C-alpha atoms as a PDB file:
ATOM      1  CA  MET A   1      30.915  94.062 -11.023  1.00  0.00           C
ATOM      2  CA  LYS A   2      28.784  93.382  -7.835  1.00  0.00           C
ATOM      3  CA  LYS A   3      27.802  89.777  -8.903  1.00  0.00           C
ATOM      4  CA  ILE A   4      31.799  89.108  -9.240  1.00  0.00           C
ATOM      5  CA  PHE A   5      32.432  90.694  -5.847  1.00  0.00           C
ATOM      6  CA  THR A   6      29.531  88.689  -4.076  1.00  0.00           C
ATOM      7  CA  THR A   7      30.891  85.575  -5.951  1.00  0.00           C
ATOM      8  CA  LEU A   8      34.415  86.157  -4.819  1.00  0.00           C
ATOM      9  CA  LEU A   9      33.520  86.865  -1.366  1.00  0.00           C
ATOM     10  CA  PHE A  10      31.350  83.643  -1.011  1.00  0.00           C
ATOM     11  CA  THR A  11      34.319  81.837  -2.423  1.00  0.00           C
ATOM     12  CA  MET A  12      36.687  82.990  -0.105  1.00  0.00           C
ATOM     13  CA  SER A  13      34.246  82.431   2.923  1.00  0.00           C
ATOM     14  CA  ILE A  14      34.010  78.881   2.072  1.00  0.00           C
ATOM     15  CA  ALA A  15      37.907  78.484   1.692  1.00  0.00           C
ATOM     16  CA  TRP A  16      38.197  80.137   5.162  1.00  0.00           C
ATOM     17  CA  ALA A  17      35.825  77.870   6.635  1.00  0.00           C
ATOM     18  CA  PHE A  18      37.662  74.719   5.498  1.00  0.00           C
ATOM     19  CA  ALA A  19      41.138  75.975   6.475  1.00  0.00           C
ATOM     20  CA  GLN A  20      40.402  76.593   9.939  1.00  0.00           C
ATOM     21  CA  ARG A  21      42.860  75.019  12.286  1.00  0.00           C
ATOM     22  CA  GLY A  22      43.359  75.073  16.119  1.00  0.00           C
ATOM     23  CA  THR A  23      46.282  74.839  18.362  1.00  0.00           C
ATOM     24  CA  VAL A  24      46.588  72.310  21.220  1.00  0.00           C
ATOM     25  CA  THR A  25      48.968  73.196  23.971  1.00  0.00           C
ATOM     26  CA  GLY A  26      49.874  70.836  26.942  1.00  0.00           C
ATOM     27  CA  LYS A  27      52.394  69.495  28.971  1.00  0.00           C
ATOM     28  CA  VAL A  28      54.069  65.699  28.727  1.00  0.00           C
ATOM     29  CA  THR A  29      54.639  63.947  31.887  1.00  0.00           C
ATOM     30  CA  ASP A  30      55.961  60.588  33.180  1.00  0.00           C
ATOM     31  CA  ALA A  31      52.955  58.513  34.073  1.00  0.00           C
ATOM     32  CA  LEU A  32      54.560  57.078  37.197  1.00  0.00           C
ATOM     33  CA  THR A  33      56.640  59.956  38.560  1.00  0.00           C
ATOM     34  CA  GLY A  34      54.491  63.067  37.216  1.00  0.00           C
ATOM     35  CA  GLU A  35      57.954  64.521  36.287  1.00  0.00           C
ATOM     36  CA  SER A  36      58.059  66.589  33.020  1.00  0.00           C
ATOM     37  CA  LEU A  37      59.589  65.075  29.964  1.00  0.00           C
ATOM     38  CA  PRO A  38      61.760  67.602  28.009  1.00  0.00           C
ATOM     39  CA  GLY A  39      62.552  66.657  24.311  1.00  0.00           C
ATOM     40  CA  ALA A  40      59.518  64.256  23.891  1.00  0.00           C
ATOM     41  CA  THR A  41      57.996  64.234  20.299  1.00  0.00           C
ATOM     42  CA  VAL A  42      54.440  65.204  19.844  1.00  0.00           C
ATOM     43  CA  VAL A  43      52.599  64.643  16.425  1.00  0.00           C
ATOM     44  CA  VAL A  44      49.204  64.409  15.184  1.00  0.00           C
ATOM     45  CA  ASP A  45      48.299  60.913  14.126  1.00  0.00           C
ATOM     46  CA  GLY A  46      48.394  60.577  10.451  1.00  0.00           C
ATOM     47  CA  ALA A  47      50.196  64.082   9.754  1.00  0.00           C
ATOM     48  CA  THR A  48      53.661  64.887   8.700  1.00  0.00           C
ATOM     49  CA  GLY A  49      55.934  66.829  11.100  1.00  0.00           C
ATOM     50  CA  GLY A  50      55.235  67.600  14.748  1.00  0.00           C
ATOM     51  CA  THR A  51      57.162  69.156  17.532  1.00  0.00           C
ATOM     52  CA  ALA A  52      59.250  68.609  20.701  1.00  0.00           C
ATOM     53  CA  THR A  53      58.477  69.414  24.295  1.00  0.00           C
ATOM     54  CA  ASP A  54      60.384  72.241  25.767  1.00  0.00           C
ATOM     55  CA  GLY A  55      62.648  72.089  28.932  1.00  0.00           C
ATOM     56  CA  ASN A  56      59.267  72.081  31.120  1.00  0.00           C
ATOM     57  CA  GLY A  57      57.628  69.256  28.960  1.00  0.00           C
ATOM     58  CA  MET A  58      55.242  71.821  27.386  1.00  0.00           C
ATOM     59  CA  PHE A  59      54.302  71.695  23.515  1.00  0.00           C
ATOM     60  CA  SER A  60      52.097  73.543  21.111  1.00  0.00           C
ATOM     61  CA  VAL A  61      50.834  71.916  17.996  1.00  0.00           C
ATOM     62  CA  SER A  62      48.384  72.854  15.104  1.00  0.00           C
ATOM     63  CA  MET A  63      45.477  70.597  14.327  1.00  0.00           C
ATOM     64  CA  SER A  64      42.737  70.293  11.794  1.00  0.00           C
ATOM     65  CA  PRO A  65      39.292  70.185  13.225  1.00  0.00           C
ATOM     66  CA  GLY A  66      39.075  66.438  12.355  1.00  0.00           C
ATOM     67  CA  ASP A  67      42.247  65.385  13.925  1.00  0.00           C
ATOM     68  CA  ARG A  68      41.636  63.972  17.411  1.00  0.00           C
ATOM     69  CA  LYS A  69      44.816  61.805  18.348  1.00  0.00           C
ATOM     70  CA  LEU A  70      48.312  62.832  19.453  1.00  0.00           C
ATOM     71  CA  LEU A  71      51.095  60.564  19.465  1.00  0.00           C
ATOM     72  CA  VAL A  72      54.035  61.035  21.909  1.00  0.00           C
ATOM     73  CA  SER A  73      57.333  59.333  21.907  1.00  0.00           C
END
């Protein structure tokens, strides 16, 4: 029984380590005027789905550790 529990715990910890994700939050602004851009689409490059900025240009998106590029349109 102890061996099964140890194996299960080890397997769960490996799965948890690979499943870690982070959240990136930010604000999208116009490069020329500095004004907020509400309704802009923010996606992680190579991923499906994404989010839109709120009325103040703010967004929050979940990313995997290897993802490094956000696309905004």
